């Protein structure tokens, strides 16, 4: 039987997998350790662009996010006075070799070996240094300065990515650059194609030259940009949220684009929803969407350790849609994960 990694990579290369594949964004974290931000004497963490990170305490993961005030750049025309990236040429060949060996030695080879280097997430970078209002206005009012800024980032990214591809020899790479929210992209297709797509393409070209599988992480309604993404050689996309027309996407791209997807309780049918209805809905969806490949499961179904299980029938009656109920969301994750495991190894038999 193929390993988890072999099975996923088989799907990402346009073949029918041996069994229903799984995928996790965390598989792609084998990046180069150089120039990673470190907290200063006051514990303040800033990224390569000088943006302070703060904990998103209201979020599910308590992740480090760019500070949403006191931006480092208020005028895109002055980016060269504010942004100073380190020099990748300062990293020696021995340092690259040692870092790559350490990463490969610690890797669980049941999983695919993924990673990247540089900073191809140019949209999030621009919004991080300027904020959404000023960043988006810069794209409309001063696109040439935005392109200048991105060209500077590209010089850094190209050197880092070429070395990463050469020394690490990853099986896949991925860009994470959330350029859409749930129901619409943040920029028009024209702006995307003019400003952002060339940056992504240049990054993917580096890895494709070494036959590395390319993926893209983009939350939200990303459907309008898929033709461009696929033309860059990208063969898997995560996370495919339910606001996208997944059946239309599957019909168009077949198994040429693997949709990595979980199950969103926000999009359950209205009214009373029971455990069996959730299970049935998921089974029905997978039975249709995964035919011939082109789909992978990203849900983990893991309950938070501080949330006790619902144990008695009285404690888990039929309930209304659970949009904002984190506890019930986790229960749904468990049900769906259980259903997936029942289907995983028999689906393609």
Protein backbone atom coordinates (compact mmCIF):
# COMPACT_ATOMS: atom_id res chain seq x y z
CA UNK A 1 0.00 0.00 0.00
CA UNK A 2 1.21 3.50 -0.77
CA UNK A 3 2.19 5.72 2.14
CA UNK A 4 0.07 8.76 3.00
CA UNK A 5 2.60 10.93 1.20
CA UNK A 6 2.93 8.74 -1.88
CA UNK A 7 -0.84 8.53 -2.19
CA UNK A 8 -1.31 12.30 -1.94
CA UNK A 9 1.50 13.07 -4.40
CA UNK A 10 0.04 10.55 -6.81
CA UNK A 11 -3.24 12.49 -6.72
CA UNK A 12 -1.40 15.83 -7.03
CA UNK A 13 0.27 14.54 -10.20
CA UNK A 14 -3.12 13.98 -11.80
CA UNK A 15 -3.45 10.25 -11.17
CA UNK A 16 -6.22 8.36 -9.43
CA UNK A 17 -5.01 7.71 -5.86
CA UNK A 18 -4.92 4.25 -4.36
CA UNK A 19 -7.27 5.36 -1.60
CA UNK A 20 -8.91 8.63 -0.55
CA UNK A 21 -5.97 10.97 0.14
CA UNK A 22 -5.48 13.29 3.06
CA UNK A 23 -3.60 16.57 3.21
CA UNK A 24 -2.41 18.99 5.89
CA UNK A 25 -0.98 22.46 5.40
CA UNK A 26 1.46 21.64 8.21
CA UNK A 27 3.20 19.12 5.96
CA UNK A 28 4.73 22.05 4.08
CA UNK A 29 6.60 23.60 7.00
CA UNK A 30 10.08 22.40 6.09
CA UNK A 31 11.36 25.82 5.20
CA UNK A 32 14.85 27.21 5.54
CA UNK A 33 15.54 28.45 9.11
CA UNK A 34 17.56 31.48 8.03
CA UNK A 35 16.40 35.00 8.87
CA UNK A 36 13.51 33.78 10.97
CA UNK A 37 12.37 36.53 13.35
CA UNK A 38 13.40 36.31 16.96
CA UNK A 39 11.87 38.22 19.88
CA UNK A 40 13.82 41.27 21.02
CA UNK A 41 14.75 42.05 24.64
CA UNK A 42 11.16 43.09 25.29
CA UNK A 43 9.70 39.94 23.76
CA UNK A 44 8.45 41.79 20.67
CA UNK A 45 8.48 39.70 17.49
CA UNK A 46 8.82 41.38 14.09
CA UNK A 47 8.99 39.71 10.69
CA UNK A 48 11.47 40.44 7.90
CA UNK A 49 9.51 43.56 6.96
CA UNK A 50 9.45 45.03 10.45
CA UNK A 51 5.81 44.15 11.11
CA UNK A 52 5.09 43.29 14.72
CA UNK A 53 3.26 40.03 15.37
CA UNK A 54 0.56 39.78 18.00
CA UNK A 55 -1.48 36.82 19.16
CA UNK A 56 -4.96 36.51 17.69
CA UNK A 57 -6.50 35.73 21.04
CA UNK A 58 -10.03 35.71 19.66
CA UNK A 59 -9.15 33.17 16.98
CA UNK A 60 -9.34 29.42 17.14
CA UNK A 61 -5.60 28.81 16.90
CA UNK A 62 -4.25 31.80 18.86
CA UNK A 63 -1.93 32.30 15.90
CA UNK A 64 0.57 35.14 15.53
CA UNK A 65 -0.92 37.78 13.23
CA UNK A 66 0.31 41.15 11.93
CA UNK A 67 -0.51 44.01 14.26
CA UNK A 68 -3.59 45.72 12.88
CA UNK A 69 -2.51 49.24 13.79
CA UNK A 70 0.67 51.30 13.66
CA UNK A 71 1.67 50.03 10.22
CA UNK A 72 5.30 50.33 9.17
CA UNK A 73 4.63 51.82 5.71
CA UNK A 74 2.13 54.60 5.06
CA UNK A 75 3.24 55.57 1.55
CA UNK A 76 4.09 52.92 -1.05
CA UNK A 77 6.38 55.40 -2.80
CA UNK A 78 8.69 55.27 0.23
CA UNK A 79 8.97 51.51 0.47
CA UNK A 80 12.69 51.64 -0.35
CA UNK A 81 13.38 53.86 2.66
CA UNK A 82 11.50 51.55 5.04
CA UNK A 83 11.94 47.95 3.90
CA UNK A 84 15.40 46.36 4.07
CA UNK A 85 15.64 42.61 3.55
CA UNK A 86 18.68 40.53 4.53
CA UNK A 87 21.09 39.25 1.89
CA UNK A 88 20.63 35.56 0.99
CA UNK A 89 24.22 35.49 -0.27
CA UNK A 90 25.35 35.68 3.36
CA UNK A 91 24.23 32.06 3.86
CA UNK A 92 27.07 29.64 3.15
CA UNK A 93 26.83 26.38 1.25
CA UNK A 94 27.64 24.48 4.45
CA UNK A 95 24.80 26.20 6.29
CA UNK A 96 22.35 25.21 3.56
CA UNK A 97 23.60 21.63 3.58
CA UNK A 98 23.37 21.33 7.36
CA UNK A 99 19.89 22.85 7.51
CA UNK A 100 18.60 20.56 4.77
CA UNK A 101 20.08 17.47 6.41
CA UNK A 102 18.57 18.37 9.77
CA UNK A 103 15.13 18.83 8.18
CA UNK A 104 15.26 15.56 6.26
CA UNK A 105 16.62 13.60 9.23
CA UNK A 106 13.73 14.62 11.46
CA UNK A 107 11.04 14.11 8.82
CA UNK A 108 8.40 11.38 9.08
CA UNK A 109 8.65 9.82 5.63
CA UNK A 110 5.14 8.42 5.88
CA UNK A 111 4.24 11.99 4.92
CA UNK A 112 5.35 13.99 1.87
CA UNK A 113 8.36 16.25 2.39
CA UNK A 114 7.19 19.77 1.63
CA UNK A 115 8.47 23.26 2.14
CA UNK A 116 9.51 26.54 0.61
CA UNK A 117 11.72 29.54 1.09
CA UNK A 118 11.64 33.22 0.42
CA UNK A 119 8.45 35.24 0.69
CA UNK A 120 6.09 34.56 -2.20
CA UNK A 121 3.01 35.65 -0.21
CA UNK A 122 3.15 39.17 -1.62
CA UNK A 123 -0.50 40.08 -1.05
CA UNK A 124 -0.34 39.32 2.65
CA UNK A 125 3.02 41.09 2.86
CA UNK A 126 1.61 44.27 1.34
CA UNK A 127 -1.42 44.22 3.64
CA UNK A 128 0.84 43.48 6.60
CA UNK A 129 3.08 46.51 6.07
CA UNK A 130 0.33 48.95 4.98
CA UNK A 131 -3.01 47.59 6.17
CA UNK A 132 -5.89 46.69 3.88
CA UNK A 133 -7.12 50.21 3.22
CA UNK A 134 -3.77 51.70 2.21
CA UNK A 135 -2.50 48.50 0.62
CA UNK A 136 -5.47 48.12 -1.69
CA UNK A 137 -5.46 51.83 -2.53
CA UNK A 138 -1.76 51.54 -3.44
CA UNK A 139 -2.65 48.83 -5.98
CA UNK A 140 -5.12 51.20 -7.64
CA UNK A 141 -3.27 54.51 -7.34
CA UNK A 142 0.40 53.52 -7.50
CA UNK A 143 0.62 50.08 -9.14
CA UNK A 144 4.12 50.74 -10.51
CA UNK A 145 5.47 51.34 -7.00
CA UNK A 146 3.76 48.17 -5.79
CA UNK A 147 5.44 46.25 -8.62
CA UNK A 148 8.79 47.82 -7.67
CA UNK A 149 8.30 46.66 -4.11
CA UNK A 150 7.38 43.17 -5.27
CA UNK A 151 10.39 43.02 -7.61
CA UNK A 152 12.61 43.72 -4.61
CA UNK A 153 10.90 40.93 -2.68
CA UNK A 154 11.28 38.73 -5.75
CA UNK A 155 15.06 39.12 -5.80
CA UNK A 156 15.22 37.85 -2.25
CA UNK A 157 12.68 35.09 -2.86
CA UNK A 158 14.38 33.82 -6.01
CA UNK A 159 17.74 33.31 -4.32
CA UNK A 160 16.21 31.65 -1.27
CA UNK A 161 13.88 29.41 -3.27
CA UNK A 162 16.56 28.22 -5.70
CA UNK A 163 18.81 27.19 -2.83
CA UNK A 164 15.93 25.61 -0.94
CA UNK A 165 14.91 23.56 -3.98
CA UNK A 166 18.51 22.48 -4.60
CA UNK A 167 19.54 21.55 -1.06
CA UNK A 168 16.26 20.41 0.50
CA UNK A 169 14.87 18.59 -2.55
CA UNK A 170 11.24 18.92 -1.39
CA UNK A 171 8.53 16.74 -2.89
CA UNK A 172 6.12 19.65 -2.92
CA UNK A 173 6.02 23.37 -2.24
CA UNK A 174 3.17 25.73 -1.48
CA UNK A 175 2.43 29.45 -1.43
CA UNK A 176 0.16 30.76 1.30
CA UNK A 177 -1.30 34.10 0.23
CA UNK A 178 -4.94 34.65 1.22
CA UNK A 179 -6.15 37.08 -1.44
CA UNK A 180 -9.86 36.40 -0.92
CA UNK A 181 -12.46 36.41 1.82
CA UNK A 182 -15.36 34.02 2.07
CA UNK A 183 -17.52 35.40 -0.71
CA UNK A 184 -15.25 37.51 -2.93
CA UNK A 185 -11.60 38.16 -3.79
CA UNK A 186 -10.00 41.28 -2.33
CA UNK A 187 -8.88 42.45 -5.78
CA UNK A 188 -10.29 42.25 -9.28
CA UNK A 189 -9.09 39.64 -11.76
CA UNK A 190 -7.38 42.38 -13.75
CA UNK A 191 -5.42 43.64 -10.73
CA UNK A 192 -4.55 40.09 -9.76
CA UNK A 193 -3.20 39.27 -13.22
CA UNK A 194 -1.28 42.53 -13.48
CA UNK A 195 0.30 42.73 -10.02
CA UNK A 196 0.13 39.51 -8.06
CA UNK A 197 0.03 36.57 -10.47
CA UNK A 198 3.51 37.28 -11.96
CA UNK A 199 5.05 37.02 -8.47
CA UNK A 200 3.44 33.68 -7.80
CA UNK A 201 4.36 32.37 -11.25
CA UNK A 202 8.04 33.29 -10.81
CA UNK A 203 8.15 31.35 -7.55
CA UNK A 204 6.44 28.26 -8.92
CA UNK A 205 8.71 28.28 -11.98
CA UNK A 206 11.72 27.73 -9.73
CA UNK A 207 10.29 24.57 -8.20
CA UNK A 208 8.66 23.26 -11.37
CA UNK A 209 12.10 23.32 -13.00
CA UNK A 210 13.03 20.59 -10.50
CA UNK A 211 9.75 18.70 -11.02
CA UNK A 212 8.47 19.64 -7.54
CA UNK A 213 4.69 19.38 -7.07
CA UNK A 214 3.20 22.85 -6.54
CA UNK A 215 0.23 23.73 -4.35
CA UNK A 216 -1.50 26.87 -3.17
CA UNK A 217 -3.09 27.84 0.15
CA UNK A 218 -5.87 30.36 -0.24
CA UNK A 219 -8.94 30.68 1.93
CA UNK A 220 -12.17 32.18 0.67
CA UNK A 221 -13.86 32.43 -2.73
CA UNK A 222 -10.84 31.93 -4.94
CA UNK A 223 -12.63 30.43 -7.93
CA UNK A 224 -12.15 33.41 -10.32
CA UNK A 225 -8.36 33.02 -10.16
CA UNK A 226 -8.15 29.27 -10.76
CA UNK A 227 -7.41 29.42 -14.49
CA UNK A 228 -4.36 31.54 -13.75
CA UNK A 229 -3.31 29.30 -10.88
CA UNK A 230 -3.54 26.12 -12.93
CA UNK A 231 -1.60 27.78 -15.77
CA UNK A 232 1.25 28.27 -13.28
CA UNK A 233 1.49 24.50 -12.83
CA UNK A 234 -0.32 24.34 -9.50
CA UNK A 235 -2.00 20.97 -9.01
CA UNK A 236 -3.53 21.21 -5.53
CA UNK A 237 -5.37 23.90 -3.60
CA UNK A 238 -6.12 24.17 0.11
CA UNK A 239 -8.47 24.89 1.82
CA UNK A 240 -11.35 24.74 -0.65
CA UNK A 241 -14.16 26.43 1.23
CA UNK A 242 -17.78 25.70 0.48
CA UNK A 243 -18.43 29.16 -0.96
CA UNK A 244 -16.67 27.89 -4.10
CA UNK A 245 -18.67 25.82 -6.60
CA UNK A 246 -16.71 22.64 -6.08
CA UNK A 247 -18.70 20.51 -8.51
CA UNK A 248 -18.23 23.04 -11.31
CA UNK A 249 -14.50 23.18 -10.48
CA UNK A 250 -14.27 19.39 -10.55
CA UNK A 251 -16.06 19.25 -13.90
CA UNK A 252 -13.68 21.84 -15.37
CA UNK A 253 -10.33 20.57 -14.07
CA UNK A 254 -11.02 16.92 -13.31
CA UNK A 255 -8.12 15.34 -11.45
CA UNK A 256 -5.77 18.06 -12.71
CA UNK A 257 -6.47 20.11 -9.59
CA UNK A 258 -6.79 18.38 -6.23
CA UNK A 259 -9.26 20.22 -3.98
CA UNK A 260 -8.12 19.77 -0.38
CA UNK A 261 -11.21 20.15 1.72
CA UNK A 262 -12.78 19.50 5.10
CA UNK A 263 -16.37 19.98 6.19
CA UNK A 264 -17.77 23.34 7.23
CA UNK A 265 -20.65 23.34 9.68
CA UNK A 266 -21.48 26.89 8.60
CA UNK A 267 -22.82 25.48 5.36
CA UNK A 268 -25.00 22.71 6.76
CA UNK A 269 -28.61 22.80 5.67
CA UNK A 270 -30.92 25.03 7.65
CA UNK A 271 -33.20 23.77 10.37
CA UNK A 272 -32.75 20.85 12.70
CA UNK A 273 -29.55 18.91 12.07
CA UNK A 274 -28.78 15.55 13.61
CA UNK A 275 -25.60 13.52 13.76
CA UNK A 276 -26.86 11.05 11.16
CA UNK A 277 -27.86 13.86 8.80
CA UNK A 278 -24.34 15.30 9.03
CA UNK A 279 -22.80 11.90 8.36
CA UNK A 280 -25.14 11.29 5.43
CA UNK A 281 -24.44 14.71 3.96
CA UNK A 282 -20.68 14.12 4.10
CA UNK A 283 -20.91 10.60 2.64
CA UNK A 284 -23.04 11.85 -0.21
CA UNK A 285 -20.68 14.73 -0.96
CA UNK A 286 -17.52 12.61 -0.99
CA UNK A 287 -19.19 9.92 -3.12
CA UNK A 288 -19.78 12.54 -5.82
CA UNK A 289 -16.76 14.87 -5.56
CA UNK A 290 -13.95 12.29 -5.22
CA UNK A 291 -14.78 10.19 -8.30
CA UNK A 292 -11.65 9.79 -10.43
CA UNK A 293 -9.40 11.71 -8.02
CA UNK A 294 -9.05 15.47 -7.68
CA UNK A 295 -10.06 15.61 -4.00
CA UNK A 296 -8.34 15.19 -0.63
CA UNK A 297 -9.58 15.38 2.94
CA UNK A 298 -8.11 17.98 5.30
CA UNK A 299 -10.27 17.52 8.38
CA UNK A 300 -8.64 16.17 11.50
CA UNK A 301 -11.68 15.45 13.63
CA UNK A 302 -9.67 15.99 16.79
CA UNK A 303 -11.49 17.14 19.91
CA UNK A 304 -9.81 19.80 21.99
CA UNK A 305 -8.56 18.12 25.20
CA UNK A 306 -10.31 20.69 27.38
CA UNK A 307 -13.71 19.89 25.89
CA UNK A 308 -15.33 16.82 27.45
CA UNK A 309 -17.33 14.50 25.15
CA UNK A 310 -21.11 14.56 24.93
CA UNK A 311 -21.90 11.20 26.47
CA UNK A 312 -25.64 10.68 26.95
CA UNK A 313 -28.51 10.90 24.45
CA UNK A 314 -30.00 13.74 26.50
CA UNK A 315 -26.80 15.74 25.99
CA UNK A 316 -26.79 15.42 22.22
CA UNK A 317 -30.32 16.01 20.97
CA UNK A 318 -31.16 17.31 17.53
CA UNK A 319 -29.92 20.89 17.37
CA UNK A 320 -30.12 23.96 15.18
CA UNK A 321 -27.29 24.81 12.79
CA UNK A 322 -24.17 25.31 14.85
CA UNK A 323 -22.56 28.26 13.13
CA UNK A 324 -20.92 29.80 16.17
CA UNK A 325 -20.84 26.88 18.57
CA UNK A 326 -17.24 25.74 18.79
CA UNK A 327 -18.12 22.73 20.90
CA UNK A 328 -20.64 21.37 18.43
CA UNK A 329 -18.32 22.21 15.53
CA UNK A 330 -15.78 19.88 17.08
CA UNK A 331 -18.36 17.14 17.46
CA UNK A 332 -19.23 17.50 13.79
CA UNK A 333 -15.52 17.17 13.01
CA UNK A 334 -15.45 13.88 14.90
CA UNK A 335 -18.48 12.50 13.08
CA UNK A 336 -17.13 13.51 9.69
CA UNK A 337 -13.67 12.16 10.44
CA UNK A 338 -15.21 8.85 11.48
CA UNK A 339 -17.19 8.67 8.25
CA UNK A 340 -14.09 9.47 6.23
CA UNK A 341 -12.14 6.67 7.88
CA UNK A 342 -14.93 4.22 7.03
CA UNK A 343 -14.75 5.22 3.36
CA UNK A 344 -11.05 5.89 2.91
CA UNK A 345 -9.66 2.50 1.91
CA UNK A 346 -12.68 1.10 0.04
CA UNK A 347 -13.69 4.09 -2.11
CA UNK A 348 -11.52 3.30 -5.14
CA UNK A 349 -11.80 -0.48 -4.88
